C-alpha cells in the first residue's frame, strides 16, 4: 500500500509540473531564436531570446518595443521586429528617415549603413494594428512590404537576449 501512495504522489507532482509548464509556455514566456539579420545590430542571427507573452494580455505594445509576431502573410512563421507606430499614428518615410506624426523617429540604433533610402507613405495606422520595422532597414521584410500587423498577431515582447552569454541583454 505504501508503494502505491508513493507512486500516486509522484504522478500528481509530475502532472502538476506539466500543467504549470504548459500554462507558463502558453500564457507566460517563450524561448525563441533569431533567424536572419533583419534586427542587426540590436539582435544577431542565432541570438536566443526570452519573449514575455503575458505583458500584452494586460497592456498594449508601445512604440520602440521589440516584439515577436506572427508573419501576416503566413501566420505559421514568426518574426522579431520593432514597433514603430501604433493605431492612429501617421507614418511616412522620406529618403529612409522615419517620421511618426510628422516627428522624426529617434532611431540611433539603426547604423547608417543599415538605413535604407526609400520612401513610404504617408499612411495612418488603423485601429488594432501596428507598423513594425527591422533595425537593419536594408535587409528586413516588414510593414513596408506586407502591411500593418494586427494586435492579435503580436505574440509578446522580447525581454531578454540570453545567448550568447557575453551579449546578454535585458530590454525595457
N, C-alpha and C. Protein backbone atom coordinates (compact mmCIF):
# COMPACT_ATOMS: atom_id res chain seq x y z
N UNK A 1 0.81 -1.19 0.00
CA UNK A 1 0.00 0.00 0.00
C UNK A 1 0.86 1.26 0.00
N UNK A 2 1.95 1.26 0.74
CA UNK A 2 2.85 2.39 0.80
C UNK A 2 3.43 2.72 -0.57
N UNK A 3 3.73 1.70 -1.37
CA UNK A 3 4.30 1.90 -2.70
C UNK A 3 3.32 2.67 -3.59
N UNK A 4 2.05 2.28 -3.55
CA UNK A 4 1.06 2.97 -4.39
C UNK A 4 0.88 4.42 -3.98
N UNK A 5 0.97 4.71 -2.70
CA UNK A 5 0.88 6.09 -2.23
C UNK A 5 2.06 6.91 -2.77
N UNK A 6 3.23 6.33 -2.75
CA UNK A 6 4.41 7.00 -3.28
C UNK A 6 4.28 7.22 -4.79
N UNK A 7 3.82 6.19 -5.50
CA UNK A 7 3.64 6.32 -6.95
C UNK A 7 2.61 7.40 -7.25
N UNK A 8 1.49 7.38 -6.53
CA UNK A 8 0.43 8.37 -6.76
C UNK A 8 0.95 9.79 -6.46
N UNK A 9 1.72 9.96 -5.40
CA UNK A 9 2.30 11.27 -5.08
C UNK A 9 3.24 11.73 -6.20
N UNK A 10 4.02 10.80 -6.72
CA UNK A 10 4.93 11.13 -7.81
C UNK A 10 4.15 11.53 -9.06
N UNK A 11 3.10 10.79 -9.42
CA UNK A 11 2.27 11.10 -10.60
C UNK A 11 1.62 12.48 -10.44
N UNK A 12 1.11 12.79 -9.24
CA UNK A 12 0.50 14.11 -9.00
C UNK A 12 1.52 15.22 -9.16
N UNK A 13 2.71 14.99 -8.64
CA UNK A 13 3.77 16.01 -8.74
C UNK A 13 4.15 16.26 -10.21
N UNK A 14 4.39 15.19 -10.95
CA UNK A 14 4.74 15.33 -12.36
C UNK A 14 3.59 15.95 -13.15
N UNK A 15 2.38 15.53 -12.88
CA UNK A 15 1.22 16.09 -13.56
C UNK A 15 1.06 17.58 -13.28
N UNK A 16 1.22 17.97 -12.03
CA UNK A 16 1.14 19.39 -11.67
C UNK A 16 2.23 20.19 -12.38
N UNK A 17 3.44 19.66 -12.39
CA UNK A 17 4.55 20.35 -13.06
C UNK A 17 4.25 20.51 -14.55
N UNK A 18 3.68 19.48 -15.16
CA UNK A 18 3.34 19.57 -16.59
C UNK A 18 2.29 20.64 -16.83
N UNK A 19 1.27 20.70 -15.98
CA UNK A 19 0.23 21.72 -16.13
C UNK A 19 0.83 23.11 -15.97
N UNK A 20 1.66 23.30 -14.95
CA UNK A 20 2.31 24.61 -14.75
C UNK A 20 3.18 24.97 -15.94
N UNK A 21 3.93 24.03 -16.45
CA UNK A 21 4.80 24.29 -17.61
C UNK A 21 3.98 24.70 -18.82
N UNK A 22 2.88 24.02 -19.05
CA UNK A 22 2.01 24.36 -20.19
C UNK A 22 1.44 25.76 -20.01
N UNK A 23 0.99 26.09 -18.81
CA UNK A 23 0.45 27.43 -18.55
C UNK A 23 1.51 28.51 -18.75
N UNK A 24 2.72 28.26 -18.25
CA UNK A 24 3.80 29.24 -18.39
C UNK A 24 4.14 29.45 -19.86
N UNK A 25 4.28 28.37 -20.63
CA UNK A 25 4.63 28.49 -22.04
C UNK A 25 3.48 29.11 -22.84
N UNK A 26 2.24 28.76 -22.50
CA UNK A 26 1.10 29.28 -23.25
C UNK A 26 0.85 30.75 -22.95
N UNK A 27 0.89 31.13 -21.69
CA UNK A 27 0.50 32.48 -21.31
C UNK A 27 1.63 33.33 -20.75
N UNK A 28 2.77 32.74 -20.45
CA UNK A 28 3.83 33.47 -19.76
C UNK A 28 5.01 33.84 -20.61
N UNK A 29 5.89 32.89 -20.84
CA UNK A 29 7.15 33.18 -21.51
C UNK A 29 7.43 32.13 -22.57
N UNK A 30 8.20 32.54 -23.56
CA UNK A 30 8.60 31.62 -24.62
C UNK A 30 10.06 31.88 -24.95
N UNK A 31 10.79 30.82 -25.19
CA UNK A 31 12.17 30.93 -25.64
C UNK A 31 12.13 30.94 -27.16
N UNK A 32 12.89 31.85 -27.78
CA UNK A 32 12.90 31.97 -29.24
C UNK A 32 14.33 32.15 -29.72
N UNK A 33 14.51 31.94 -31.01
CA UNK A 33 15.83 32.10 -31.63
C UNK A 33 15.68 33.04 -32.82
N UNK A 34 16.59 33.98 -32.95
CA UNK A 34 16.60 34.90 -34.09
C UNK A 34 17.15 34.15 -35.29
N UNK A 35 16.46 34.27 -36.41
CA UNK A 35 16.94 33.69 -37.66
C UNK A 35 17.03 34.81 -38.68
N UNK A 36 18.25 35.17 -39.04
CA UNK A 36 18.46 36.24 -40.01
C UNK A 36 19.02 37.49 -39.36
N UNK A 37 19.25 38.48 -40.21
CA UNK A 37 19.93 39.71 -39.78
C UNK A 37 19.03 40.94 -39.79
N UNK A 38 17.72 40.77 -39.89
CA UNK A 38 16.84 41.93 -40.05
C UNK A 38 16.80 42.85 -38.83
N UNK A 39 17.23 42.36 -37.66
CA UNK A 39 17.22 43.20 -36.46
C UNK A 39 18.64 43.63 -36.05
N UNK A 40 19.64 43.37 -36.90
CA UNK A 40 21.01 43.79 -36.59
C UNK A 40 21.07 45.32 -36.57
N UNK A 41 21.88 45.90 -35.75
CA UNK A 41 22.83 45.29 -34.82
C UNK A 41 22.22 44.97 -33.45
N UNK A 42 20.96 45.31 -33.22
CA UNK A 42 20.34 45.06 -31.91
C UNK A 42 20.34 43.58 -31.59
N UNK A 43 19.89 42.77 -32.54
CA UNK A 43 19.87 41.31 -32.40
C UNK A 43 20.58 40.71 -33.60
N UNK A 44 21.33 39.66 -33.35
CA UNK A 44 22.09 39.00 -34.41
C UNK A 44 21.50 37.62 -34.70
N UNK A 45 21.84 37.09 -35.86
CA UNK A 45 21.41 35.75 -36.25
C UNK A 45 21.81 34.74 -35.17
N UNK A 46 20.87 33.89 -34.78
CA UNK A 46 21.04 32.82 -33.80
C UNK A 46 21.05 33.29 -32.34
N UNK A 47 20.81 34.57 -32.08
CA UNK A 47 20.64 35.01 -30.69
C UNK A 47 19.46 34.26 -30.09
N UNK A 48 19.53 33.96 -28.80
CA UNK A 48 18.44 33.30 -28.09
C UNK A 48 17.74 34.34 -27.21
N UNK A 49 16.41 34.31 -27.25
CA UNK A 49 15.61 35.33 -26.58
C UNK A 49 14.61 34.72 -25.62
N UNK A 50 14.19 35.52 -24.66
CA UNK A 50 13.02 35.19 -23.84
C UNK A 50 11.96 36.23 -24.17
N UNK A 51 10.80 35.74 -24.59
CA UNK A 51 9.68 36.58 -25.00
C UNK A 51 8.61 36.54 -23.92
N UNK A 52 8.22 37.71 -23.44
CA UNK A 52 7.18 37.83 -22.43
C UNK A 52 5.83 37.87 -23.14
N UNK A 53 5.07 36.77 -23.06
CA UNK A 53 3.77 36.68 -23.72
C UNK A 53 2.66 37.25 -22.85
N UNK A 54 2.88 37.33 -21.55
CA UNK A 54 1.85 37.79 -20.62
C UNK A 54 1.62 39.29 -20.71
N UNK A 55 2.69 40.05 -20.95
CA UNK A 55 2.62 41.51 -20.85
C UNK A 55 1.53 42.12 -21.74
N UNK A 56 1.31 41.56 -22.92
CA UNK A 56 0.32 42.14 -23.82
C UNK A 56 -1.09 41.63 -23.56
N UNK A 57 -1.25 40.78 -22.54
CA UNK A 57 -2.59 40.44 -22.08
C UNK A 57 -3.11 41.54 -21.17
N UNK A 58 -2.19 42.29 -20.55
CA UNK A 58 -2.60 43.35 -19.61
C UNK A 58 -2.26 44.75 -20.10
N UNK A 59 -1.53 44.85 -21.22
CA UNK A 59 -1.19 46.16 -21.79
C UNK A 59 -1.07 46.01 -23.30
N UNK A 60 -0.75 47.09 -23.96
CA UNK A 60 -0.61 47.07 -25.42
C UNK A 60 0.83 47.33 -25.81
N UNK A 61 1.25 46.84 -26.97
CA UNK A 61 2.60 47.16 -27.46
C UNK A 61 2.79 48.67 -27.56
N UNK A 62 3.99 49.11 -27.26
CA UNK A 62 4.33 50.53 -27.30
C UNK A 62 5.39 50.78 -28.36
N UNK A 63 5.40 51.99 -28.86
CA UNK A 63 6.42 52.39 -29.82
C UNK A 63 7.80 52.12 -29.22
N UNK A 64 8.65 51.43 -29.99
CA UNK A 64 10.00 51.10 -29.54
C UNK A 64 10.14 49.68 -29.02
N UNK A 65 9.03 49.03 -28.66
CA UNK A 65 9.10 47.64 -28.18
C UNK A 65 9.63 46.73 -29.28
N UNK A 66 10.49 45.80 -28.90
CA UNK A 66 10.91 44.74 -29.81
C UNK A 66 9.95 43.58 -29.53
N UNK A 67 9.26 43.14 -30.57
CA UNK A 67 8.21 42.14 -30.40
C UNK A 67 8.43 40.93 -31.29
N UNK A 68 7.89 39.81 -30.81
CA UNK A 68 7.80 38.62 -31.63
C UNK A 68 6.37 38.59 -32.15
N UNK A 69 6.21 38.36 -33.45
CA UNK A 69 4.89 38.40 -34.06
C UNK A 69 4.72 37.28 -35.07
N UNK A 70 3.47 36.98 -35.35
CA UNK A 70 3.16 36.05 -36.43
C UNK A 70 3.26 36.82 -37.73
N UNK A 71 3.92 36.22 -38.70
CA UNK A 71 4.09 36.83 -40.02
C UNK A 71 2.72 36.93 -40.68
N UNK A 72 2.23 38.14 -40.98
CA UNK A 72 0.88 38.30 -41.51
C UNK A 72 0.61 37.52 -42.81
N UNK A 73 1.63 37.30 -43.62
CA UNK A 73 1.44 36.58 -44.88
C UNK A 73 1.32 35.08 -44.63
N UNK A 74 2.02 34.57 -43.61
CA UNK A 74 1.97 33.15 -43.25
C UNK A 74 2.06 33.05 -41.72
N UNK A 75 0.92 33.07 -41.04
CA UNK A 75 0.93 33.10 -39.57
C UNK A 75 1.59 31.90 -38.89
N UNK A 76 1.97 30.88 -39.65
CA UNK A 76 2.71 29.76 -39.06
C UNK A 76 4.16 30.15 -38.76
N UNK A 77 4.64 31.22 -39.39
CA UNK A 77 6.00 31.70 -39.15
C UNK A 77 5.96 32.85 -38.15
N UNK A 78 7.05 33.03 -37.42
CA UNK A 78 7.14 34.18 -36.51
C UNK A 78 8.38 35.00 -36.83
N UNK A 79 8.25 36.30 -36.63
CA UNK A 79 9.31 37.27 -36.88
C UNK A 79 9.56 38.07 -35.61
N UNK A 80 10.73 38.69 -35.54
CA UNK A 80 11.03 39.65 -34.48
C UNK A 80 11.27 41.00 -35.16
N UNK A 81 10.52 42.01 -34.73
CA UNK A 81 10.61 43.36 -35.30
C UNK A 81 10.43 44.38 -34.18
N UNK A 82 10.60 45.66 -34.53
CA UNK A 82 10.41 46.75 -33.58
C UNK A 82 9.13 47.51 -33.94
N UNK A 83 8.31 47.80 -32.92
CA UNK A 83 7.10 48.59 -33.13
C UNK A 83 7.52 50.04 -33.38
N UNK A 84 7.09 50.57 -34.51
CA UNK A 84 7.42 51.94 -34.89
C UNK A 84 6.24 52.88 -34.67
N UNK A 85 5.03 52.38 -34.94
CA UNK A 85 3.85 53.23 -34.81
C UNK A 85 2.67 52.39 -34.34
N UNK A 86 1.79 53.06 -33.59
CA UNK A 86 0.60 52.42 -33.03
C UNK A 86 -0.64 52.92 -33.76
N UNK A 87 -1.78 52.32 -33.42
CA UNK A 87 -3.03 52.71 -34.06
C UNK A 87 -3.26 54.22 -33.92
N UNK A 88 -3.69 54.81 -35.03
CA UNK A 88 -3.95 56.25 -35.06
C UNK A 88 -2.75 57.09 -35.44
N UNK A 89 -1.54 56.54 -35.38
CA UNK A 89 -0.34 57.28 -35.77
C UNK A 89 -0.26 57.37 -37.29
N UNK A 90 0.37 58.45 -37.76
CA UNK A 90 0.65 58.58 -39.19
C UNK A 90 2.15 58.34 -39.39
N UNK A 91 2.46 57.44 -40.32
CA UNK A 91 3.85 57.10 -40.60
C UNK A 91 4.18 57.49 -42.04
N UNK A 92 5.37 58.04 -42.19
CA UNK A 92 5.91 58.25 -43.53
C UNK A 92 7.41 58.09 -43.45
N UNK A 93 7.99 57.66 -44.55
CA UNK A 93 9.44 57.50 -44.63
C UNK A 93 9.89 58.29 -45.84
N UNK A 94 10.83 59.20 -45.62
CA UNK A 94 11.37 60.03 -46.69
C UNK A 94 12.87 59.82 -46.74
N UNK A 95 13.36 59.30 -47.87
CA UNK A 95 14.78 59.00 -48.05
C UNK A 95 15.32 58.17 -46.88
N UNK A 96 14.51 57.23 -46.42
CA UNK A 96 14.94 56.34 -45.35
C UNK A 96 14.74 56.89 -43.95
N UNK A 97 14.37 58.14 -43.81
CA UNK A 97 14.15 58.76 -42.49
C UNK A 97 12.69 58.55 -42.11
N UNK A 98 12.45 57.97 -40.93
CA UNK A 98 11.09 57.64 -40.49
C UNK A 98 10.51 58.80 -39.68
N UNK A 99 9.26 59.14 -40.02
CA UNK A 99 8.52 60.17 -39.29
C UNK A 99 7.24 59.55 -38.76
N UNK A 100 6.97 59.77 -37.48
CA UNK A 100 5.72 59.34 -36.87
C UNK A 100 5.01 60.59 -36.39
N UNK A 101 3.83 60.83 -36.96
CA UNK A 101 3.06 62.05 -36.67
C UNK A 101 3.90 63.30 -36.95
N UNK A 102 4.64 63.24 -38.07
CA UNK A 102 5.49 64.33 -38.56
C UNK A 102 6.68 64.65 -37.65
N UNK A 103 6.99 63.79 -36.70
CA UNK A 103 8.15 63.95 -35.83
C UNK A 103 9.18 62.90 -36.23
N UNK A 104 10.44 63.31 -36.52
CA UNK A 104 11.46 62.32 -36.88
C UNK A 104 11.64 61.29 -35.75
N UNK A 105 11.66 60.03 -36.14
CA UNK A 105 11.85 58.95 -35.18
C UNK A 105 13.28 58.98 -34.66
N UNK A 106 13.42 58.90 -33.33
CA UNK A 106 14.76 58.81 -32.74
C UNK A 106 15.19 57.35 -32.86
N UNK A 107 15.97 57.06 -33.88
CA UNK A 107 16.36 55.67 -34.16
C UNK A 107 17.87 55.55 -34.31
N UNK A 108 18.58 55.99 -33.27
CA UNK A 108 20.04 55.92 -33.26
C UNK A 108 20.53 54.47 -33.31
N UNK A 109 19.67 53.52 -33.00
CA UNK A 109 20.03 52.10 -33.03
C UNK A 109 20.22 51.59 -34.46
N UNK A 110 19.80 52.38 -35.46
CA UNK A 110 19.98 51.99 -36.86
C UNK A 110 21.30 52.56 -37.36
N UNK A 111 22.25 51.68 -37.67
CA UNK A 111 23.53 52.14 -38.21
C UNK A 111 23.31 52.79 -39.57
N UNK A 112 24.14 53.75 -39.91
CA UNK A 112 23.96 54.46 -41.19
C UNK A 112 24.02 53.51 -42.38
N UNK A 113 24.89 52.50 -42.32
CA UNK A 113 24.98 51.56 -43.44
C UNK A 113 23.79 50.61 -43.50
N UNK A 114 22.98 50.55 -42.45
CA UNK A 114 21.77 49.71 -42.43
C UNK A 114 20.51 50.49 -42.81
N UNK A 115 20.65 51.79 -42.97
CA UNK A 115 19.50 52.65 -43.25
C UNK A 115 19.18 52.62 -44.75
N UNK A 116 17.94 52.37 -45.08
CA UNK A 116 17.54 52.38 -46.49
C UNK A 116 17.32 53.82 -46.94
N UNK A 117 17.13 54.01 -48.22
CA UNK A 117 16.89 55.36 -48.74
C UNK A 117 15.59 55.42 -49.52
N UNK A 118 14.65 54.59 -49.11
CA UNK A 118 13.37 54.54 -49.82
C UNK A 118 12.35 55.47 -49.17
N UNK A 119 11.25 55.66 -49.87
CA UNK A 119 10.13 56.45 -49.37
C UNK A 119 8.95 55.52 -49.12
N UNK A 120 8.11 55.91 -48.18
CA UNK A 120 6.91 55.14 -47.86
C UNK A 120 5.87 56.10 -47.30
N UNK A 121 4.62 55.85 -47.63
CA UNK A 121 3.51 56.61 -47.05
C UNK A 121 3.36 58.00 -47.61
N UNK A 122 2.67 58.84 -46.90
CA UNK A 122 2.18 58.68 -45.53
C UNK A 122 0.98 57.74 -45.46
N UNK A 123 0.86 57.09 -44.31
CA UNK A 123 -0.27 56.21 -44.04
C UNK A 123 -0.63 56.29 -42.56
N UNK A 124 -1.92 56.19 -42.28
CA UNK A 124 -2.40 56.19 -40.90
C UNK A 124 -2.63 54.75 -40.47
N UNK A 125 -2.15 54.41 -39.30
CA UNK A 125 -2.26 53.05 -38.79
C UNK A 125 -3.70 52.83 -38.29
N UNK A 126 -4.39 51.83 -38.85
CA UNK A 126 -5.78 51.59 -38.43
C UNK A 126 -5.88 51.07 -37.00
N UNK A 127 -7.06 51.17 -36.43
CA UNK A 127 -7.31 50.69 -35.08
C UNK A 127 -7.03 49.20 -35.00
N UNK A 128 -6.31 48.81 -33.93
CA UNK A 128 -6.00 47.40 -33.71
C UNK A 128 -4.78 46.90 -34.47
N UNK A 129 -4.03 47.81 -35.09
CA UNK A 129 -2.87 47.43 -35.91
C UNK A 129 -1.63 48.20 -35.47
N UNK A 130 -0.46 47.67 -35.91
CA UNK A 130 0.83 48.27 -35.61
C UNK A 130 1.69 48.27 -36.86
N UNK A 131 2.61 49.24 -36.94
CA UNK A 131 3.58 49.33 -38.02
C UNK A 131 4.92 48.93 -37.42
N UNK A 132 5.57 47.91 -38.00
CA UNK A 132 6.82 47.39 -37.47
C UNK A 132 7.91 47.44 -38.55
N UNK A 133 9.14 47.63 -38.08
CA UNK A 133 10.31 47.62 -38.97
C UNK A 133 11.41 46.80 -38.32
N UNK A 134 12.29 46.26 -39.14
CA UNK A 134 13.52 45.68 -38.65
C UNK A 134 14.53 46.80 -38.46
N UNK A 135 15.50 46.60 -37.57
CA UNK A 135 16.53 47.62 -37.34
C UNK A 135 17.52 47.69 -38.49
N UNK A 136 17.65 46.61 -39.24
CA UNK A 136 18.52 46.59 -40.43
C UNK A 136 17.62 46.87 -41.63
N UNK A 137 17.35 48.14 -41.84
CA UNK A 137 16.31 48.56 -42.79
C UNK A 137 16.57 48.10 -44.22
N UNK A 138 17.85 47.89 -44.58
CA UNK A 138 18.17 47.43 -45.94
C UNK A 138 17.94 45.93 -46.10
N UNK A 139 17.76 45.22 -45.00
CA UNK A 139 17.69 43.76 -45.04
C UNK A 139 16.55 43.27 -44.17
N UNK A 140 15.35 43.85 -44.33
CA UNK A 140 14.23 43.48 -43.47
C UNK A 140 12.93 43.41 -44.26
N UNK A 141 12.25 42.31 -44.10
CA UNK A 141 10.88 42.18 -44.58
C UNK A 141 10.00 42.64 -43.42
N UNK A 142 9.21 43.70 -43.62
CA UNK A 142 8.46 44.29 -42.52
C UNK A 142 7.21 44.99 -43.04
N UNK A 143 6.65 45.89 -42.26
CA UNK A 143 5.39 46.54 -42.64
C UNK A 143 5.46 47.32 -43.94
N UNK A 144 6.65 47.69 -44.37
CA UNK A 144 6.78 48.35 -45.67
C UNK A 144 6.41 47.40 -46.79
N UNK A 145 6.64 46.09 -46.57
CA UNK A 145 6.38 45.08 -47.59
C UNK A 145 5.01 44.43 -47.44
N UNK A 146 4.65 44.01 -46.23
CA UNK A 146 3.44 43.22 -46.04
C UNK A 146 2.37 43.90 -45.22
N UNK A 147 2.54 45.18 -44.94
CA UNK A 147 1.48 45.95 -44.29
C UNK A 147 1.51 45.91 -42.77
N UNK A 148 0.43 46.41 -42.22
CA UNK A 148 0.31 46.54 -40.77
C UNK A 148 0.10 45.16 -40.13
N UNK A 149 0.45 45.09 -38.84
CA UNK A 149 0.32 43.84 -38.08
C UNK A 149 -0.86 43.99 -37.12
N UNK A 150 -1.82 43.07 -37.20
CA UNK A 150 -2.92 43.13 -36.22
C UNK A 150 -2.41 42.78 -34.83
N UNK A 151 -2.96 43.42 -33.81
CA UNK A 151 -2.52 43.17 -32.44
C UNK A 151 -2.59 41.68 -32.10
N UNK A 152 -3.60 40.99 -32.61
CA UNK A 152 -3.75 39.57 -32.28
C UNK A 152 -2.58 38.73 -32.80
N UNK A 153 -1.78 39.27 -33.74
CA UNK A 153 -0.61 38.56 -34.27
C UNK A 153 0.65 38.82 -33.46
N UNK A 154 0.61 39.76 -32.52
CA UNK A 154 1.78 40.05 -31.71
C UNK A 154 1.81 39.07 -30.54
N UNK A 155 2.83 38.22 -30.54
CA UNK A 155 2.94 37.12 -29.57
C UNK A 155 3.40 37.63 -28.22
N UNK A 156 4.38 38.53 -28.23
CA UNK A 156 4.90 39.04 -26.97
C UNK A 156 6.07 39.98 -27.17
N UNK A 157 6.55 40.49 -26.06
CA UNK A 157 7.65 41.45 -26.06
C UNK A 157 8.96 40.73 -25.76
N UNK A 158 9.97 41.02 -26.57
CA UNK A 158 11.31 40.47 -26.32
C UNK A 158 11.86 41.17 -25.09
N UNK A 159 12.12 40.40 -24.03
CA UNK A 159 12.59 40.97 -22.77
C UNK A 159 14.06 40.73 -22.52
N UNK A 160 14.57 39.56 -22.99
CA UNK A 160 15.95 39.19 -22.67
C UNK A 160 16.60 38.52 -23.87
N UNK A 161 17.84 38.92 -24.15
CA UNK A 161 18.71 38.11 -25.01
C UNK A 161 19.62 37.38 -24.04
N UNK A 162 19.52 36.05 -24.00
CA UNK A 162 20.31 35.30 -23.03
C UNK A 162 21.46 34.53 -23.66
N UNK A 163 21.52 34.51 -25.00
CA UNK A 163 22.62 33.83 -25.67
C UNK A 163 22.96 34.57 -26.93
N UNK A 164 24.21 34.78 -27.20
CA UNK A 164 25.40 34.33 -26.49
C UNK A 164 25.58 35.11 -25.17
N UNK A 165 26.10 34.43 -24.17
CA UNK A 165 26.23 34.99 -22.83
C UNK A 165 26.96 36.33 -22.78
N UNK A 166 28.05 36.52 -23.53
CA UNK A 166 28.72 37.82 -23.44
C UNK A 166 27.84 38.99 -23.91
N UNK A 167 26.82 38.70 -24.71
CA UNK A 167 25.94 39.75 -25.21
C UNK A 167 24.59 39.76 -24.52
N UNK A 168 24.46 39.05 -23.39
CA UNK A 168 23.18 39.00 -22.68
C UNK A 168 22.70 40.42 -22.39
N UNK A 169 21.41 40.65 -22.64
CA UNK A 169 20.83 41.99 -22.51
C UNK A 169 19.41 41.87 -22.01
N UNK A 170 19.02 42.81 -21.14
CA UNK A 170 17.62 42.95 -20.74
C UNK A 170 17.08 44.16 -21.48
N UNK A 171 15.97 43.95 -22.22
CA UNK A 171 15.33 45.03 -22.97
C UNK A 171 14.16 45.58 -22.16
N UNK A 172 14.00 46.89 -22.18
CA UNK A 172 12.90 47.52 -21.42
C UNK A 172 11.74 47.86 -22.30
